[in-house]
Amino acid sequence: MGQWVKGKSHDTYGPTGPYLVTKDEIKDINNLKMMLDVNGERMQTGNTSTMIFNVDTIVSYISKFMSLQPGDIITTGTPPGVGMGRKPQVFLKAGDQMKLSIENLGEQNSKVVAV
């Protein structure tokens, strides 16, 4: 499973926000632009339209195995451009500044800190 679980499952880790919206507030949840900048450099660009499974399919599938309640968050994949897949590889380090944005949802700014 490599980095898939590691990238979304650290203790005290689960970045969400800056706020959540309901499906009726977004025109097309299967067509949202996504961007990630690290230290001001664009590292990832994607769109929910390129996900292997669309949002409705993911929710339908997961709901066969567990109860979903309003406000539940389902973490999915990541846009193209992950550091591990780059040549040379790029990994986050203490002090790095990240800016994540998703069209119609807003922007999240984070700083990597050493633990």
Protein backbone atom coordinates (compact mmCIF):
# COMPACT_ATOMS: atom_id res chain seq x y z
CA MET A 1 0.00 0.00 0.00
CA GLY A 2 3.00 2.28 0.07
CA GLN A 3 2.28 5.90 0.85
CA TRP A 4 -1.49 5.84 0.31
CA VAL A 5 -2.36 5.23 3.95
CA LYS A 6 0.68 7.04 5.36
CA GLY A 7 -0.15 10.28 3.59
CA LYS A 8 -3.59 10.58 5.17
CA SER A 9 -3.34 8.79 8.52
CA HIS A 10 -0.79 10.45 10.80
CA ASP A 11 -1.79 11.02 14.44
CA THR A 12 -3.33 14.49 14.76
CA TYR A 13 -3.41 14.70 10.95
CA GLY A 14 -6.47 15.10 8.84
CA PRO A 15 -6.42 18.47 7.13
CA THR A 16 -9.88 19.65 6.21
CA GLY A 17 -11.32 23.03 5.53
CA PRO A 18 -11.19 25.94 5.65
CA TYR A 19 -14.82 24.85 5.75
CA LEU A 20 -17.09 22.08 4.54
CA VAL A 21 -19.98 22.50 2.14
CA THR A 22 -22.95 20.38 1.22
CA LYS A 23 -23.40 18.92 -2.26
CA ASP A 24 -26.10 21.46 -3.14
CA GLU A 25 -23.57 24.30 -2.69
CA ILE A 26 -21.28 23.02 -5.47
CA LYS A 27 -22.49 23.03 -9.06
CA ASP A 28 -20.51 19.94 -10.15
CA ILE A 29 -18.55 18.00 -7.53
CA ASN A 30 -17.07 15.91 -10.33
CA ASN A 31 -15.39 18.93 -11.95
CA LEU A 32 -13.39 20.91 -9.39
CA LYS A 33 -9.86 22.21 -10.02
CA MET A 34 -7.28 21.28 -7.36
CA MET A 35 -3.86 22.83 -6.81
CA LEU A 36 -1.00 22.40 -4.34
CA ASP A 37 1.91 24.83 -4.04
CA VAL A 38 4.95 24.13 -1.86
CA ASN A 39 7.08 27.14 -0.99
CA GLY A 40 5.36 29.08 -3.79
CA GLU A 41 6.05 26.46 -6.48
CA ARG A 42 3.13 24.63 -8.11
CA MET A 43 3.65 20.94 -7.37
CA GLN A 44 0.26 19.42 -8.13
CA THR A 45 -2.60 20.35 -10.43
CA GLY A 46 -5.64 18.21 -10.99
CA ASN A 47 -9.38 18.05 -11.35
CA THR A 48 -11.97 15.83 -9.73
CA SER A 49 -13.09 14.97 -13.27
CA THR A 50 -9.98 12.80 -13.65
CA MET A 51 -10.60 10.68 -10.56
CA ILE A 52 -10.79 6.96 -11.32
CA PHE A 53 -14.26 6.82 -9.71
CA ASN A 54 -16.60 9.79 -9.48
CA VAL A 55 -17.89 11.00 -6.12
CA ASP A 56 -21.30 9.33 -6.43
CA THR A 57 -19.66 5.96 -7.17
CA ILE A 58 -17.30 6.29 -4.20
CA VAL A 59 -20.12 7.16 -1.78
CA SER A 60 -22.30 4.35 -3.12
CA TYR A 61 -19.51 1.79 -2.80
CA ILE A 62 -18.41 2.81 0.69
CA SER A 63 -21.98 2.90 1.96
CA LYS A 64 -22.27 -0.83 1.23
CA PHE A 65 -19.69 -1.51 3.99
CA MET A 66 -20.26 1.23 6.55
CA SER A 67 -22.82 3.76 7.66
CA LEU A 68 -22.23 7.26 6.39
CA GLN A 69 -23.58 10.24 8.28
CA PRO A 70 -23.84 13.91 7.30
CA GLY A 71 -20.44 15.49 7.81
CA ASP A 72 -18.44 12.28 7.31
CA ILE A 73 -15.28 12.81 5.28
CA ILE A 74 -14.05 10.30 2.72
CA THR A 75 -10.41 10.81 1.83
CA THR A 76 -9.55 9.85 -1.73
CA GLY A 77 -6.48 9.92 -3.94
CA THR A 78 -4.27 12.82 -4.87
CA PRO A 79 -3.75 14.87 -8.05
CA PRO A 80 -0.81 14.13 -10.35
CA GLY A 81 2.57 15.47 -9.28
CA VAL A 82 3.27 13.77 -5.94
CA GLY A 83 6.86 14.20 -4.79
CA MET A 84 7.58 10.49 -4.60
CA GLY A 85 6.85 10.15 -8.32
CA ARG A 86 9.11 13.02 -9.37
CA LYS A 87 12.63 12.64 -10.65
CA PRO A 88 14.42 13.56 -8.51
CA GLN A 89 11.99 12.73 -5.72
CA VAL A 90 10.76 15.64 -3.58
CA PHE A 91 9.65 15.19 0.02
CA LEU A 92 8.29 17.73 2.49
CA LYS A 93 10.65 18.94 5.20
CA ALA A 94 10.35 21.08 8.31
CA GLY A 95 9.66 24.70 7.40
CA ASP A 96 8.00 23.99 4.04
CA GLN A 97 4.91 26.11 3.41
CA MET A 98 2.00 24.44 1.60
CA LYS A 99 -1.01 26.05 -0.01
CA LEU A 100 -3.82 23.74 -1.09
CA SER A 101 -6.81 25.05 -2.97
CA ILE A 102 -9.91 23.49 -4.46
CA GLU A 103 -12.15 25.50 -6.72
CA ASN A 104 -15.31 26.73 -4.93
CA LEU A 105 -14.11 25.34 -1.58
CA GLY A 106 -11.31 27.71 -0.63
CA GLU A 107 -7.68 27.54 0.37
CA GLN A 108 -5.75 25.92 3.18
CA ASN A 109 -2.29 27.02 4.24
CA SER A 110 -0.03 24.77 6.31
CA LYS A 111 3.53 24.73 7.52
CA VAL A 112 5.51 21.51 8.02
CA VAL A 113 6.90 21.24 11.56
CA ALA A 114 9.34 18.72 12.97
CA VAL A 115 7.96 16.35 15.59
